[in-house]
């Protein structure tokens, strides 16, 4: 084989290999930052306690980037069919104990969630709205219809870095049951409702 042709082929192969390696290294460097997302896992549980309104929300947090990331807080905004909104603040991590024949329990108080690079975690979080009426009932008075549930996450600077909107419907039976529980301080039963990503 001609030495000039051989040298040209070697050079061409080296250039292609270099381009491929450069692309891979560039992709890895570009993907070295955190890439955090979160999802509500299909349903939420609502209830009243001490005349406060509360929700248990199962959340999956994923980080497809290489660097770790800290979520310092979550907040839920629940908007009614008549555009009335209530803010619910993250109180604690919860434990679902139905497999033991028991209700919910508090696992630990709300604290920052560290999401390692290229990983995911799942949590049950409890959110509470403590606003009350002059009659000492929860300010959250639910009616039938479609609700928007906006979940916002805060970074280390306590700024919202991402929000997700999901939707749920409250029918006649859950509305009546939850209305009764709003009035009855002793009734701590929860009611679960499916959530969806589209209105």
N, C-alpha and C. Protein backbone atom coordinates (compact mmCIF):
# COMPACT_ATOMS: atom_id res chain seq x y z
N UNK A 1 0.85 -1.17 0.00
CA UNK A 1 0.00 0.00 0.00
C UNK A 1 0.89 1.23 0.00
N UNK A 2 0.46 2.22 -0.68
CA UNK A 2 1.20 3.47 -0.78
C UNK A 2 1.31 4.14 0.59
N UNK A 3 2.52 4.55 1.01
CA UNK A 3 2.69 5.16 2.33
C UNK A 3 1.85 6.41 2.51
N UNK A 4 1.69 7.18 1.44
CA UNK A 4 0.89 8.41 1.54
C UNK A 4 -0.58 8.08 1.80
N UNK A 5 -1.09 7.03 1.10
CA UNK A 5 -2.47 6.59 1.28
C UNK A 5 -2.68 6.05 2.69
N UNK A 6 -1.72 5.26 3.19
CA UNK A 6 -1.80 4.71 4.55
C UNK A 6 -1.85 5.83 5.59
N UNK A 7 -0.96 6.81 5.42
CA UNK A 7 -0.94 7.93 6.37
C UNK A 7 -2.26 8.69 6.34
N UNK A 8 -2.83 8.84 5.14
CA UNK A 8 -4.12 9.54 5.01
C UNK A 8 -5.24 8.79 5.71
N UNK A 9 -5.25 7.44 5.54
CA UNK A 9 -6.29 6.64 6.21
C UNK A 9 -6.17 6.70 7.72
N UNK A 10 -4.92 6.60 8.21
CA UNK A 10 -4.69 6.67 9.66
C UNK A 10 -5.16 8.03 10.19
N UNK A 11 -4.83 9.08 9.46
CA UNK A 11 -5.24 10.42 9.87
C UNK A 11 -6.75 10.57 9.89
N UNK A 12 -7.42 10.00 8.87
CA UNK A 12 -8.88 10.10 8.80
C UNK A 12 -9.53 9.36 9.96
N UNK A 13 -9.04 8.13 10.23
CA UNK A 13 -9.59 7.35 11.35
C UNK A 13 -9.37 8.09 12.67
N UNK A 14 -8.16 8.67 12.81
CA UNK A 14 -7.86 9.43 14.04
C UNK A 14 -8.79 10.62 14.20
N UNK A 15 -9.10 11.29 13.09
CA UNK A 15 -9.99 12.45 13.16
C UNK A 15 -11.40 12.05 13.57
N UNK A 16 -11.90 10.95 12.99
CA UNK A 16 -13.25 10.47 13.34
C UNK A 16 -13.31 10.06 14.81
N UNK A 17 -12.28 9.31 15.25
CA UNK A 17 -12.24 8.88 16.66
C UNK A 17 -12.16 10.09 17.58
N UNK A 18 -11.35 11.07 17.21
CA UNK A 18 -11.23 12.28 18.02
C UNK A 18 -12.54 13.03 18.10
N UNK A 19 -13.25 13.09 16.97
CA UNK A 19 -14.53 13.79 16.96
C UNK A 19 -15.54 13.09 17.87
N UNK A 20 -15.57 11.75 17.81
CA UNK A 20 -16.49 10.98 18.66
C UNK A 20 -16.16 11.17 20.13
N UNK A 21 -14.89 11.05 20.48
CA UNK A 21 -14.48 11.22 21.88
C UNK A 21 -14.78 12.64 22.36
N UNK A 22 -14.52 13.62 21.50
CA UNK A 22 -14.81 15.01 21.85
C UNK A 22 -16.29 15.23 22.10
N UNK A 23 -17.13 14.59 21.29
CA UNK A 23 -18.58 14.71 21.47
C UNK A 23 -19.01 14.11 22.79
N UNK A 24 -18.49 12.91 23.11
CA UNK A 24 -18.84 12.24 24.37
C UNK A 24 -18.39 13.06 25.57
N UNK A 25 -17.15 13.55 25.53
CA UNK A 25 -16.62 14.36 26.64
C UNK A 25 -17.42 15.65 26.77
N UNK A 26 -17.72 16.27 25.64
CA UNK A 26 -18.52 17.50 25.67
C UNK A 26 -19.89 17.27 26.26
N UNK A 27 -20.54 16.14 25.91
CA UNK A 27 -21.86 15.82 26.45
C UNK A 27 -21.78 15.64 27.96
N UNK A 28 -20.74 14.92 28.41
CA UNK A 28 -20.61 14.67 29.86
C UNK A 28 -20.35 15.97 30.62
N UNK A 29 -19.51 16.84 30.05
CA UNK A 29 -19.26 18.12 30.71
C UNK A 29 -20.52 18.98 30.74
N UNK A 30 -21.26 18.94 29.66
CA UNK A 30 -22.48 19.73 29.57
C UNK A 30 -23.54 19.20 30.53
N UNK A 31 -23.53 17.89 30.78
CA UNK A 31 -24.51 17.25 31.64
C UNK A 31 -24.01 17.11 33.08
N UNK A 32 -22.95 17.86 33.44
CA UNK A 32 -22.41 17.74 34.79
C UNK A 32 -23.20 18.54 35.81
N UNK A 33 -24.06 19.46 35.35
CA UNK A 33 -24.88 20.22 36.30
C UNK A 33 -26.09 19.39 36.72
N UNK A 34 -26.78 19.87 37.75
CA UNK A 34 -27.99 19.19 38.21
C UNK A 34 -29.13 19.41 37.22
N UNK A 35 -29.94 18.40 37.05
CA UNK A 35 -31.13 18.49 36.18
C UNK A 35 -32.28 17.84 36.94
N UNK A 36 -32.93 18.64 37.81
CA UNK A 36 -33.89 18.12 38.77
C UNK A 36 -35.32 18.30 38.27
N UNK A 37 -36.12 17.25 38.46
CA UNK A 37 -37.53 17.31 38.14
C UNK A 37 -38.29 16.56 39.24
N UNK A 38 -39.60 16.75 39.32
CA UNK A 38 -40.39 16.06 40.34
C UNK A 38 -41.79 15.83 39.81
N UNK A 39 -42.45 14.83 40.38
CA UNK A 39 -43.77 14.40 39.91
C UNK A 39 -44.63 14.02 41.09
N UNK A 40 -45.91 14.34 41.01
CA UNK A 40 -46.88 13.81 41.96
C UNK A 40 -47.30 12.44 41.46
N UNK A 41 -47.25 11.45 42.31
CA UNK A 41 -47.47 10.07 41.91
C UNK A 41 -48.95 9.68 41.95
N UNK A 42 -49.71 10.15 41.00
CA UNK A 42 -51.06 9.65 40.68
C UNK A 42 -52.21 10.03 41.60
N UNK A 43 -51.97 10.29 42.88
CA UNK A 43 -53.09 10.57 43.78
C UNK A 43 -52.63 11.40 44.97
N UNK A 44 -53.60 12.02 45.63
CA UNK A 44 -53.35 12.73 46.89
C UNK A 44 -54.43 12.33 47.89
N UNK A 45 -54.14 12.52 49.16
CA UNK A 45 -55.10 12.25 50.23
C UNK A 45 -55.41 13.55 50.94
N UNK A 46 -56.70 13.86 51.16
CA UNK A 46 -57.11 15.08 51.84
C UNK A 46 -57.78 14.73 53.16
N UNK A 47 -57.62 15.62 54.14
CA UNK A 47 -58.33 15.45 55.41
C UNK A 47 -58.26 16.75 56.20
N UNK A 48 -59.00 16.80 57.31
CA UNK A 48 -58.99 17.94 58.23
C UNK A 48 -58.56 17.44 59.60
N UNK A 49 -57.75 18.24 60.29
CA UNK A 49 -57.42 17.94 61.68
C UNK A 49 -57.32 19.26 62.43
N UNK A 50 -57.85 19.26 63.67
CA UNK A 50 -57.87 20.48 64.48
C UNK A 50 -58.37 21.66 63.65
N UNK A 51 -59.30 21.36 62.74
CA UNK A 51 -59.89 22.34 61.84
C UNK A 51 -58.87 22.99 60.90
N UNK A 52 -57.77 22.29 60.65
CA UNK A 52 -56.83 22.69 59.60
C UNK A 52 -57.01 21.73 58.42
N UNK A 53 -56.74 22.20 57.22
CA UNK A 53 -56.84 21.35 56.03
C UNK A 53 -55.45 20.81 55.71
N UNK A 54 -55.39 19.54 55.37
CA UNK A 54 -54.10 18.92 55.08
C UNK A 54 -54.20 17.97 53.90
N UNK A 55 -53.06 17.77 53.24
CA UNK A 55 -52.97 16.83 52.12
C UNK A 55 -51.69 16.02 52.25
N UNK A 56 -51.81 14.73 52.02
CA UNK A 56 -50.64 13.87 51.84
C UNK A 56 -50.38 13.76 50.34
N UNK A 57 -49.14 14.08 49.94
CA UNK A 57 -48.81 14.09 48.52
C UNK A 57 -47.58 13.20 48.28
N UNK A 58 -47.74 12.11 47.51
CA UNK A 58 -46.58 11.28 47.18
C UNK A 58 -45.81 11.90 46.01
N UNK A 59 -44.52 12.12 46.22
CA UNK A 59 -43.70 12.83 45.24
C UNK A 59 -42.47 12.00 44.89
N UNK A 60 -42.18 11.93 43.59
CA UNK A 60 -40.92 11.36 43.11
C UNK A 60 -40.03 12.51 42.64
N UNK A 61 -38.80 12.54 43.13
CA UNK A 61 -37.81 13.55 42.73
C UNK A 61 -36.69 12.86 41.98
N UNK A 62 -36.34 13.37 40.79
CA UNK A 62 -35.27 12.77 39.99
C UNK A 62 -34.25 13.84 39.62
N UNK A 63 -33.00 13.42 39.51
CA UNK A 63 -31.91 14.28 39.06
C UNK A 63 -31.16 13.55 37.95
N UNK A 64 -31.34 13.99 36.72
CA UNK A 64 -30.68 13.34 35.59
C UNK A 64 -29.31 13.94 35.30
N UNK A 65 -28.94 15.00 36.01
CA UNK A 65 -27.61 15.58 35.88
C UNK A 65 -26.63 14.90 36.80
N UNK A 66 -25.36 15.32 36.72
CA UNK A 66 -24.30 14.68 37.49
C UNK A 66 -24.13 15.28 38.88
N UNK A 67 -24.41 16.57 39.03
CA UNK A 67 -24.20 17.22 40.32
C UNK A 67 -25.42 17.06 41.22
N UNK A 68 -25.16 17.04 42.53
CA UNK A 68 -26.26 16.96 43.49
C UNK A 68 -26.96 18.31 43.58
N UNK A 69 -28.16 18.29 44.15
CA UNK A 69 -28.99 19.48 44.24
C UNK A 69 -29.82 19.40 45.52
N UNK A 70 -30.05 20.54 46.16
CA UNK A 70 -30.82 20.57 47.39
C UNK A 70 -32.15 21.29 47.18
N UNK A 71 -33.24 20.61 47.52
CA UNK A 71 -34.56 21.23 47.55
C UNK A 71 -34.84 21.59 48.99
N UNK A 72 -35.01 22.89 49.27
CA UNK A 72 -35.19 23.31 50.66
C UNK A 72 -36.64 23.30 51.11
N UNK A 73 -37.58 23.46 50.16
CA UNK A 73 -39.00 23.50 50.54
C UNK A 73 -39.88 23.22 49.34
N UNK A 74 -41.09 22.79 49.64
CA UNK A 74 -42.16 22.65 48.65
C UNK A 74 -43.36 23.46 49.12
N UNK A 75 -44.19 23.83 48.16
CA UNK A 75 -45.44 24.53 48.48
C UNK A 75 -46.50 24.10 47.49
N UNK A 76 -47.73 23.91 47.97
CA UNK A 76 -48.85 23.55 47.11
C UNK A 76 -49.83 24.72 47.07
N UNK A 77 -50.25 25.08 45.87
CA UNK A 77 -51.34 26.05 45.72
C UNK A 77 -52.54 25.30 45.14
N UNK A 78 -53.62 25.25 45.90
CA UNK A 78 -54.83 24.56 45.49
C UNK A 78 -55.84 25.61 45.03
N UNK A 79 -56.27 25.51 43.77
CA UNK A 79 -57.19 26.50 43.21
C UNK A 79 -58.51 25.83 42.87
N UNK A 80 -59.60 26.41 43.36
CA UNK A 80 -60.94 25.82 43.22
C UNK A 80 -61.53 26.13 41.84
N UNK A 81 -62.69 25.51 41.51
CA UNK A 81 -63.37 25.81 40.25
C UNK A 81 -63.79 27.28 40.13
N UNK A 82 -63.92 27.99 41.28
CA UNK A 82 -64.30 29.41 41.25
C UNK A 82 -63.08 30.32 41.41
N UNK A 83 -61.89 29.74 41.20
CA UNK A 83 -60.62 30.48 41.25
C UNK A 83 -60.24 30.99 42.64
N UNK A 84 -60.77 30.38 43.67
CA UNK A 84 -60.29 30.68 45.02
C UNK A 84 -59.05 29.83 45.25
N UNK A 85 -58.00 30.43 45.82
CA UNK A 85 -56.73 29.71 46.01
C UNK A 85 -56.35 29.65 47.47
N UNK A 86 -55.74 28.54 47.85
CA UNK A 86 -55.19 28.35 49.18
C UNK A 86 -53.76 27.84 49.07
N UNK A 87 -52.87 28.38 49.92
CA UNK A 87 -51.49 27.92 49.99
C UNK A 87 -51.37 26.86 51.07
N UNK A 88 -50.72 25.76 50.74
CA UNK A 88 -50.45 24.71 51.70
C UNK A 88 -48.93 24.57 51.83
N UNK A 89 -48.45 24.56 53.07
CA UNK A 89 -47.02 24.54 53.32
C UNK A 89 -46.58 23.15 53.78
N UNK A 90 -45.40 22.77 53.34
CA UNK A 90 -44.84 21.46 53.67
C UNK A 90 -44.51 21.41 55.16
N UNK A 91 -45.12 20.43 55.84
CA UNK A 91 -44.92 20.28 57.28
C UNK A 91 -43.94 19.17 57.64
N UNK A 92 -44.09 18.02 57.00
CA UNK A 92 -43.25 16.89 57.39
C UNK A 92 -43.28 15.79 56.34
N UNK A 93 -42.38 14.84 56.53
CA UNK A 93 -42.40 13.59 55.77
C UNK A 93 -43.40 12.67 56.46
N UNK A 94 -44.19 11.97 55.69
CA UNK A 94 -45.24 11.14 56.26
C UNK A 94 -44.98 9.66 55.96
N UNK A 95 -45.68 8.83 56.69
CA UNK A 95 -45.59 7.38 56.51
C UNK A 95 -47.00 6.85 56.31
N UNK A 96 -47.21 6.10 55.24
CA UNK A 96 -48.52 5.52 54.96
C UNK A 96 -48.53 4.10 55.54
N UNK A 97 -49.47 3.84 56.47
CA UNK A 97 -49.44 2.58 57.24
C UNK A 97 -50.64 1.68 57.00
N UNK A 98 -51.30 1.83 55.84
CA UNK A 98 -52.50 1.01 55.62
C UNK A 98 -52.18 -0.48 55.59
N UNK A 99 -50.96 -0.83 55.20
CA UNK A 99 -50.57 -2.25 55.18
C UNK A 99 -50.52 -2.83 56.60
N UNK A 100 -50.45 -1.95 57.61
CA UNK A 100 -50.47 -2.39 59.01
C UNK A 100 -51.85 -2.25 59.62
N UNK A 101 -52.82 -1.79 58.82
CA UNK A 101 -54.16 -1.56 59.33
C UNK A 101 -54.24 -0.30 60.17
N UNK A 102 -53.30 0.64 59.94
CA UNK A 102 -53.25 1.89 60.69
C UNK A 102 -53.36 3.07 59.74
N UNK A 103 -53.48 4.27 60.32
CA UNK A 103 -53.53 5.49 59.52
C UNK A 103 -52.14 6.01 59.21
N UNK A 104 -52.09 7.29 58.87
CA UNK A 104 -50.83 7.94 58.55
C UNK A 104 -50.07 8.30 59.82
N UNK A 105 -48.75 8.42 59.70
CA UNK A 105 -47.95 8.88 60.83
C UNK A 105 -46.86 9.81 60.31
N UNK A 106 -46.32 10.61 61.23
CA UNK A 106 -45.24 11.53 60.88
C UNK A 106 -43.92 10.79 60.99
N UNK A 107 -43.15 10.83 59.91
CA UNK A 107 -41.83 10.18 59.90
C UNK A 107 -40.78 11.12 60.47
N UNK A 108 -40.73 12.36 59.97
CA UNK A 108 -39.84 13.39 60.49
C UNK A 108 -40.29 14.75 59.95
N UNK A 109 -39.88 15.82 60.63
CA UNK A 109 -40.30 17.15 60.20
C UNK A 109 -39.68 17.50 58.85
N UNK A 110 -40.28 18.49 58.18
CA UNK A 110 -39.79 18.91 56.88
C UNK A 110 -38.34 19.39 56.99
N UNK A 111 -37.51 18.92 56.10
CA UNK A 111 -36.10 19.32 56.06
C UNK A 111 -35.63 19.20 54.62
N UNK A 112 -34.55 19.90 54.25
CA UNK A 112 -34.10 19.88 52.85
C UNK A 112 -33.88 18.46 52.32
N UNK A 113 -34.19 18.29 51.05
CA UNK A 113 -33.97 17.01 50.38
C UNK A 113 -32.75 17.14 49.48
N UNK A 114 -31.72 16.34 49.75
CA UNK A 114 -30.54 16.31 48.90
C UNK A 114 -30.75 15.25 47.84
N UNK A 115 -30.70 15.67 46.57
CA UNK A 115 -30.89 14.74 45.46
C UNK A 115 -29.52 14.54 44.80
N UNK A 116 -28.96 13.36 44.96
CA UNK A 116 -27.65 13.07 44.38
C UNK A 116 -27.73 13.01 42.85
N UNK A 117 -26.59 13.18 42.21
CA UNK A 117 -26.54 13.12 40.76
C UNK A 117 -26.98 11.78 40.23
N UNK A 118 -27.72 11.82 39.12
CA UNK A 118 -28.23 10.62 38.45
C UNK A 118 -28.91 9.67 39.44
N UNK A 119 -29.89 10.20 40.14
CA UNK A 119 -30.60 9.38 41.12
C UNK A 119 -32.04 9.86 41.24
N UNK A 120 -32.81 9.13 42.00
CA UNK A 120 -34.20 9.50 42.26
C UNK A 120 -34.61 9.05 43.64
N UNK A 121 -35.56 9.76 44.24
CA UNK A 121 -36.08 9.39 45.55
C UNK A 121 -37.59 9.57 45.55
N UNK A 122 -38.26 8.86 46.43
CA UNK A 122 -39.70 8.97 46.58
C UNK A 122 -40.03 9.31 48.02
N UNK A 123 -41.01 10.20 48.19
CA UNK A 123 -41.38 10.67 49.53
C UNK A 123 -42.89 10.86 49.61
N UNK A 124 -43.45 10.63 50.81
CA UNK A 124 -44.79 11.10 51.13
C UNK A 124 -44.60 12.39 51.91
N UNK A 125 -45.17 13.49 51.42
CA UNK A 125 -45.05 14.77 52.10
C UNK A 125 -46.44 15.23 52.55
N UNK A 126 -46.48 15.84 53.74
CA UNK A 126 -47.74 16.38 54.24
C UNK A 126 -47.71 17.90 54.14
N UNK A 127 -48.77 18.46 53.54
CA UNK A 127 -48.92 19.90 53.37
C UNK A 127 -50.13 20.36 54.17
N UNK A 128 -50.03 21.56 54.78
CA UNK A 128 -51.09 22.04 55.67
C UNK A 128 -51.42 23.51 55.37
N UNK A 129 -52.71 23.83 55.45
CA UNK A 129 -53.18 25.20 55.47
C UNK A 129 -53.89 25.40 56.80
N UNK A 130 -53.36 26.31 57.62
CA UNK A 130 -53.90 26.51 58.97
C UNK A 130 -54.84 27.69 59.10
N UNK A 131 -55.19 28.35 57.99
CA UNK A 131 -56.10 29.49 58.05
C UNK A 131 -57.49 29.04 58.49
N UNK A 132 -58.13 29.85 59.37
CA UNK A 132 -59.44 29.49 59.90
C UNK A 132 -60.44 30.62 59.72
N UNK A 133 -61.70 30.24 59.73
CA UNK A 133 -62.78 31.22 59.66
C UNK A 133 -63.07 31.76 61.06
N UNK A 134 -63.98 32.71 61.17
CA UNK A 134 -64.37 33.25 62.48
C UNK A 134 -65.05 32.19 63.34
N UNK A 135 -65.54 31.12 62.69
CA UNK A 135 -66.18 30.03 63.43
C UNK A 135 -65.18 28.95 63.83
N UNK A 136 -63.88 29.24 63.62
CA UNK A 136 -62.81 28.29 63.95
C UNK A 136 -62.86 27.03 63.09
N UNK A 137 -63.36 27.15 61.88
CA UNK A 137 -63.31 26.07 60.91
C UNK A 137 -62.22 26.38 59.89
N UNK A 138 -61.75 25.36 59.22
CA UNK A 138 -60.75 25.57 58.18
C UNK A 138 -61.27 26.51 57.11
N UNK A 139 -60.40 27.40 56.66
CA UNK A 139 -60.76 28.32 55.58
C UNK A 139 -60.94 27.59 54.25
N UNK A 140 -60.40 26.38 54.17
CA UNK A 140 -60.50 25.59 52.94
C UNK A 140 -61.84 24.86 52.94
N UNK A 141 -62.79 25.43 52.22
CA UNK A 141 -64.12 24.84 52.10
C UNK A 141 -64.27 24.35 50.66
N UNK A 142 -64.25 23.03 50.50
CA UNK A 142 -64.22 22.44 49.17
C UNK A 142 -65.62 22.31 48.58
N UNK A 143 -65.71 22.44 47.27
CA UNK A 143 -66.95 22.24 46.53
C UNK A 143 -66.68 21.23 45.42
N UNK A 144 -67.70 20.85 44.71
CA UNK A 144 -67.51 19.91 43.60
C UNK A 144 -66.89 20.64 42.41
N UNK A 145 -66.19 19.87 41.57
CA UNK A 145 -65.61 20.45 40.36
C UNK A 145 -64.14 20.16 40.23
N UNK A 146 -63.54 20.79 39.23
CA UNK A 146 -62.12 20.56 38.93
C UNK A 146 -61.23 21.56 39.67
N UNK A 147 -60.16 21.04 40.27
CA UNK A 147 -59.19 21.84 41.00
C UNK A 147 -57.83 21.77 40.31
N UNK A 148 -57.11 22.89 40.37
CA UNK A 148 -55.72 22.90 39.93
C UNK A 148 -54.84 22.78 41.16
N UNK A 149 -53.86 21.89 41.07
CA UNK A 149 -52.93 21.67 42.15
C UNK A 149 -51.53 22.04 41.63
N UNK A 150 -51.00 23.15 42.11
CA UNK A 150 -49.68 23.62 41.65
C UNK A 150 -48.65 23.32 42.73
N UNK A 151 -47.66 22.49 42.37
CA UNK A 151 -46.59 22.12 43.29
C UNK A 151 -45.33 22.89 42.90
N UNK A 152 -44.81 23.69 43.84
CA UNK A 152 -43.61 24.49 43.58
C UNK A 152 -42.48 24.03 44.50
N UNK A 153 -41.25 24.01 43.95
CA UNK A 153 -40.07 23.60 44.71
C UNK A 153 -39.09 24.77 44.81
N UNK A 154 -38.44 24.88 45.97
CA UNK A 154 -37.53 25.99 46.26
C UNK A 154 -36.09 25.50 46.34
N UNK A 155 -35.15 26.32 45.82
CA UNK A 155 -33.74 25.95 45.86
C UNK A 155 -33.09 26.47 47.14
N UNK A 156 -31.75 26.43 47.19
CA UNK A 156 -31.03 26.86 48.40
C UNK A 156 -31.21 28.33 48.70
N UNK A 157 -31.51 29.12 47.69
CA UNK A 157 -31.73 30.55 47.89
C UNK A 157 -33.19 30.87 48.22
N UNK A 158 -33.96 29.82 48.50
CA UNK A 158 -35.38 29.94 48.83
C UNK A 158 -36.17 30.60 47.70
N UNK A 159 -35.74 30.33 46.47
CA UNK A 159 -36.45 30.79 45.29
C UNK A 159 -37.05 29.60 44.56
N UNK A 160 -38.24 29.80 43.98
CA UNK A 160 -38.87 28.72 43.23
C UNK A 160 -38.04 28.43 41.97
N UNK A 161 -37.61 27.19 41.82
CA UNK A 161 -36.86 26.86 40.61
C UNK A 161 -37.70 26.06 39.62
N UNK A 162 -38.82 25.53 40.08
CA UNK A 162 -39.70 24.80 39.16
C UNK A 162 -41.06 24.64 39.79
N UNK A 163 -42.11 24.70 38.94
CA UNK A 163 -43.48 24.46 39.39
C UNK A 163 -44.15 23.50 38.41
N UNK A 164 -45.03 22.67 38.94
CA UNK A 164 -45.78 21.72 38.12
C UNK A 164 -47.26 21.86 38.42
N UNK A 165 -48.08 21.90 37.38
CA UNK A 165 -49.54 21.96 37.56
C UNK A 165 -50.14 20.59 37.28
N UNK A 166 -51.00 20.15 38.18
CA UNK A 166 -51.77 18.94 37.97
C UNK A 166 -53.21 19.22 38.38
N UNK A 167 -54.09 18.29 38.07
CA UNK A 167 -55.52 18.56 38.23
C UNK A 167 -56.21 17.38 38.91
N UNK A 168 -57.28 17.69 39.63
CA UNK A 168 -58.09 16.66 40.26
C UNK A 168 -59.55 17.11 40.25
N UNK A 169 -60.42 16.15 40.33
CA UNK A 169 -61.86 16.44 40.38
C UNK A 169 -62.43 15.96 41.71
N UNK A 170 -63.25 16.80 42.31
CA UNK A 170 -63.96 16.43 43.53
C UNK A 170 -65.43 16.24 43.16
N UNK A 171 -65.90 15.02 43.30
CA UNK A 171 -67.29 14.70 43.00
C UNK A 171 -68.19 14.94 44.20
N UNK A 172 -69.44 14.57 44.06
CA UNK A 172 -70.43 14.85 45.11
C UNK A 172 -70.12 14.10 46.40
N UNK A 173 -69.82 12.80 46.31
CA UNK A 173 -69.58 12.03 47.54
C UNK A 173 -68.34 12.51 48.29
N UNK A 174 -67.18 12.66 47.63
CA UNK A 174 -66.04 13.17 48.39
C UNK A 174 -66.27 14.57 48.94
N UNK A 175 -66.98 15.41 48.22
CA UNK A 175 -67.26 16.77 48.71
C UNK A 175 -68.09 16.71 49.99
N UNK A 176 -69.12 15.86 50.00
CA UNK A 176 -69.97 15.74 51.18
C UNK A 176 -69.21 15.17 52.37
N UNK A 177 -68.39 14.14 52.11
CA UNK A 177 -67.61 13.53 53.19
C UNK A 177 -66.59 14.51 53.76
N UNK A 178 -65.90 15.23 52.89
CA UNK A 178 -64.90 16.18 53.35
C UNK A 178 -65.54 17.37 54.07
N UNK A 179 -66.72 17.79 53.62
CA UNK A 179 -67.44 18.87 54.30
C UNK A 179 -67.81 18.45 55.73
N UNK A 180 -68.22 17.20 55.89
CA UNK A 180 -68.55 16.68 57.22
C UNK A 180 -67.31 16.64 58.10
N UNK A 181 -66.19 16.23 57.53
CA UNK A 181 -64.95 16.14 58.30
C UNK A 181 -64.41 17.52 58.66
N UNK A 182 -64.71 18.51 57.83
CA UNK A 182 -64.31 19.88 58.14
C UNK A 182 -64.98 20.36 59.42
N UNK A 183 -66.23 19.94 59.65
CA UNK A 183 -66.98 20.36 60.83
C UNK A 183 -66.69 19.50 62.06
N UNK A 184 -66.25 18.26 61.84
CA UNK A 184 -66.06 17.31 62.94
C UNK A 184 -64.58 17.21 63.31
N UNK A 185 -64.21 17.83 64.42
CA UNK A 185 -62.81 17.88 64.84
C UNK A 185 -62.24 16.51 65.14
N UNK A 186 -63.09 15.57 65.48
CA UNK A 186 -62.62 14.23 65.86
C UNK A 186 -62.41 13.31 64.66
N UNK A 187 -62.95 13.69 63.51
CA UNK A 187 -62.88 12.82 62.33
C UNK A 187 -61.61 13.11 61.55
N UNK A 188 -60.64 12.19 61.62
CA UNK A 188 -59.35 12.36 60.95
C UNK A 188 -59.21 11.46 59.73
N UNK A 189 -60.33 10.92 59.26
CA UNK A 189 -60.27 10.04 58.09
C UNK A 189 -59.84 10.83 56.85
N UNK A 190 -59.05 10.16 56.02
CA UNK A 190 -58.60 10.79 54.77
C UNK A 190 -59.48 10.34 53.61
N UNK A 191 -59.40 11.11 52.53
CA UNK A 191 -60.10 10.75 51.29
C UNK A 191 -59.11 10.92 50.16
N UNK A 192 -58.89 9.84 49.39
CA UNK A 192 -57.91 9.98 48.30
C UNK A 192 -58.59 10.31 46.99
N UNK A 193 -57.87 11.08 46.18
CA UNK A 193 -58.36 11.53 44.88
C UNK A 193 -57.27 11.37 43.84
N UNK A 194 -57.61 10.86 42.65
CA UNK A 194 -56.59 10.75 41.59
C UNK A 194 -56.23 12.12 41.03
N UNK A 195 -54.98 12.28 40.65
CA UNK A 195 -54.53 13.52 39.98
C UNK A 195 -54.06 13.17 38.57
N UNK A 196 -54.08 14.17 37.70
CA UNK A 196 -53.66 13.97 36.31
C UNK A 196 -52.92 15.21 35.84
N UNK A 197 -52.16 15.07 34.78
CA UNK A 197 -51.33 16.19 34.31
C UNK A 197 -52.08 17.13 33.38
N UNK A 198 -53.22 16.68 32.82
CA UNK A 198 -53.97 17.52 31.88
C UNK A 198 -55.31 17.95 32.47
N UNK A 199 -55.71 19.18 32.14
CA UNK A 199 -56.98 19.71 32.65
C UNK A 199 -58.15 19.00 31.98
